[in-house]
C-alpha atoms as a PDB file:
ATOM      1  CA  MET A   1      31.793  12.652  -1.625  1.00  0.00           C
ATOM      2  CA  LYS A   2      29.235  12.936  -4.389  1.00  0.00           C
ATOM      3  CA  ILE A   3      25.837  14.386  -3.465  1.00  0.00           C
ATOM      4  CA  MET A   4      22.678  13.964  -5.539  1.00  0.00           C
ATOM      5  CA  LEU A   5      19.156  15.217  -4.861  1.00  0.00           C
ATOM      6  CA  PHE A   6      16.366  13.248  -6.532  1.00  0.00           C
ATOM      7  CA  THR A   7      13.129  15.156  -7.117  1.00  0.00           C
ATOM      8  CA  THR A   8      10.014  15.068  -9.307  1.00  0.00           C
ATOM      9  CA  PRO A   9       8.053  17.971 -10.801  1.00  0.00           C
ATOM     10  CA  THR A  10       4.860  17.115  -8.874  1.00  0.00           C
ATOM     11  CA  CYS A  11       6.468  16.662  -5.438  1.00  0.00           C
ATOM     12  CA  GLN A  12       5.342  19.364  -3.016  1.00  0.00           C
ATOM     13  CA  TYR A  13       8.436  18.985  -0.818  1.00  0.00           C
ATOM     14  CA  CYS A  14      10.990  18.925  -3.637  1.00  0.00           C
ATOM     15  CA  GLY A  15      10.966  22.712  -4.174  1.00  0.00           C
ATOM     16  CA  PRO A  16      11.838  23.408  -0.522  1.00  0.00           C
ATOM     17  CA  ALA A  17      14.472  20.639  -0.654  1.00  0.00           C
ATOM     18  CA  LYS A  18      16.097  22.249  -3.712  1.00  0.00           C
ATOM     19  CA  GLU A  19      16.137  25.561  -1.871  1.00  0.00           C
ATOM     20  CA  LEU A  20      17.849  23.929   1.134  1.00  0.00           C
ATOM     21  CA  VAL A  21      20.659  22.442  -0.933  1.00  0.00           C
ATOM     22  CA  LYS A  22      21.217  25.306  -3.377  1.00  0.00           C
ATOM     23  CA  ASN A  23      24.451  26.383  -1.649  1.00  0.00           C
ATOM     24  CA  ILE A  24      26.022  22.924  -1.531  1.00  0.00           C
ATOM     25  CA  GLU A  25      28.969  22.795  -3.908  1.00  0.00           C
ATOM     26  CA  ASN A  26      28.894  20.195  -6.683  1.00  0.00           C
ATOM     27  CA  ILE A  27      25.426  18.870  -5.850  1.00  0.00           C
ATOM     28  CA  GLU A  28      23.616  17.222  -8.715  1.00  0.00           C
ATOM     29  CA  ILE A  29      19.841  17.745  -8.821  1.00  0.00           C
ATOM     30  CA  LEU A  30      18.108  14.995 -10.768  1.00  0.00           C
ATOM     31  CA  ASN A  31      14.545  14.396 -11.888  1.00  0.00           C
ATOM     32  CA  ALA A  32      13.869  10.862 -10.655  1.00  0.00           C
ATOM     33  CA  MET A  33      11.379  10.232 -13.473  1.00  0.00           C
ATOM     34  CA  GLU A  34      14.004  11.100 -16.105  1.00  0.00           C
ATOM     35  CA  ASN A  35      16.724   9.107 -14.337  1.00  0.00           C
ATOM     36  CA  LEU A  36      14.912   5.893 -13.482  1.00  0.00           C
ATOM     37  CA  ASP A  37      18.056   3.754 -13.785  1.00  0.00           C
ATOM     38  CA  LEU A  38      19.929   5.887 -11.242  1.00  0.00           C
ATOM     39  CA  ALA A  39      16.917   6.098  -8.955  1.00  0.00           C
ATOM     40  CA  GLU A  40      16.631   2.317  -9.035  1.00  0.00           C
ATOM     41  CA  LEU A  41      20.371   1.902  -8.463  1.00  0.00           C
ATOM     42  CA  TYR A  42      20.137   3.910  -5.231  1.00  0.00           C
ATOM     43  CA  GLY A  43      16.804   2.425  -4.164  1.00  0.00           C
ATOM     44  CA  ILE A  44      14.895   5.705  -4.478  1.00  0.00           C
ATOM     45  CA  ARG A  45      11.187   5.040  -3.958  1.00  0.00           C
ATOM     46  CA  SER A  46      10.182   8.398  -2.520  1.00  0.00           C
ATOM     47  CA  VAL A  47      11.274  11.983  -3.116  1.00  0.00           C
ATOM     48  CA  PRO A  48      12.881  14.249  -2.197  1.00  0.00           C
ATOM     49  CA  ALA A  49      15.838  11.942  -1.617  1.00  0.00           C
ATOM     50  CA  LEU A  50      19.411  13.010  -1.003  1.00  0.00           C
ATOM     51  CA  VAL A  51      22.056  10.451  -1.946  1.00  0.00           C
ATOM     52  CA  LEU A  52      25.486  10.695  -0.356  1.00  0.00           C
ATOM     53  CA  GLU A  53      27.901   8.581  -2.350  1.00  0.00           C
ATOM     54  CA  LYS A  54      30.906   7.872  -0.125  1.00  0.00           C
ATOM     55  CA  CYS A  55      33.879   5.530  -0.330  1.00  0.00           C
ATOM     56  CA  SER A  56      32.507   3.828   2.766  1.00  0.00           C
ATOM     57  CA  GLY A  57      29.125   3.240   1.095  1.00  0.00           C
ATOM     58  CA  ASN A  58      26.053   5.163   0.038  1.00  0.00           C
ATOM     59  CA  GLU A  59      23.631   6.874   2.364  1.00  0.00           C
ATOM     60  CA  VAL A  60      20.123   7.884   1.274  1.00  0.00           C
ATOM     61  CA  LEU A  61      18.191  10.523   3.192  1.00  0.00           C
ATOM     62  CA  VAL A  62      14.495  10.585   2.330  1.00  0.00           C
ATOM     63  CA  GLY A  63      12.125  13.413   3.087  1.00  0.00           C
ATOM     64  CA  LEU A  64      12.458  17.088   3.834  1.00  0.00           C
ATOM     65  CA  GLU A  65      13.127  16.553   7.545  1.00  0.00           C
ATOM     66  CA  GLN A  66      16.137  14.275   7.013  1.00  0.00           C
ATOM     67  CA  ILE A  67      17.530  16.550   4.294  1.00  0.00           C
ATOM     68  CA  THR A  68      17.086  19.602   6.538  1.00  0.00           C
ATOM     69  CA  ASN A  69      18.922  17.852   9.393  1.00  0.00           C
ATOM     70  CA  PHE A  70      21.799  16.985   7.054  1.00  0.00           C
ATOM     71  CA  VAL A  71      22.099  20.524   5.658  1.00  0.00           C
ATOM     72  CA  GLU A  72      21.940  22.138   9.114  1.00  0.00           C
ATOM     73  CA  ASN A  73      24.818  19.983  10.387  1.00  0.00           C
ATOM     74  CA  GLU A  74      27.884  21.833   9.074  1.00  0.00           C
ATOM     75  CA  GLU A  75      30.153  18.903   9.948  1.00  0.00           C
ATOM     76  CA  ASN A  76      28.669  17.051   6.970  1.00  0.00           C
ATOM     77  CA  PHE A  77      30.529  19.443   4.691  1.00  0.00           C
ATOM     78  CA  SER A  78      34.003  18.962   6.123  1.00  0.00           C
ATOM     79  CA  GLY A  79      35.221  18.106   2.626  1.00  0.00           C
ATOM     80  CA  ASN A  80      35.641  14.385   3.071  1.00  0.00           C
ATOM     81  CA  CYS A  81      33.560  11.296   2.794  1.00  0.00           C
ATOM     82  CA  GLY A  82      34.289   9.933   6.249  1.00  0.00           C
ATOM     83  CA  CYS A  83      37.194   7.692   5.330  1.00  0.00           C
ATOM     84  CA  ASN A  84      40.906   8.207   4.781  1.00  0.00           C
ATOM     85  CA  CYS A  85      40.744   8.707   1.006  1.00  0.00           C
ATOM     86  CA  GLY A  86      40.711  12.519   1.186  1.00  0.00           C
ATOM     87  CA  HIS A  87      37.527  13.064  -0.846  1.00  0.00           C
END
């Protein structure tokens, strides 16, 4: 599973979101304004947004509350993407 956090420099909730995800292995933190093509590809219209790229499809969590709920649920980091591929 690939995990990306989209932020912007002026977003008041992006700093706390970055702090929440700092211990997630292999997370990619992206400035949405500098990565407009990727942001558009994933349908990012608001930040902070956490993109979970899985074999079974992408999931986008928008807002600090949704990101916090994801990070606090340790089962999300079981080392796989939810399918049988082993990612």
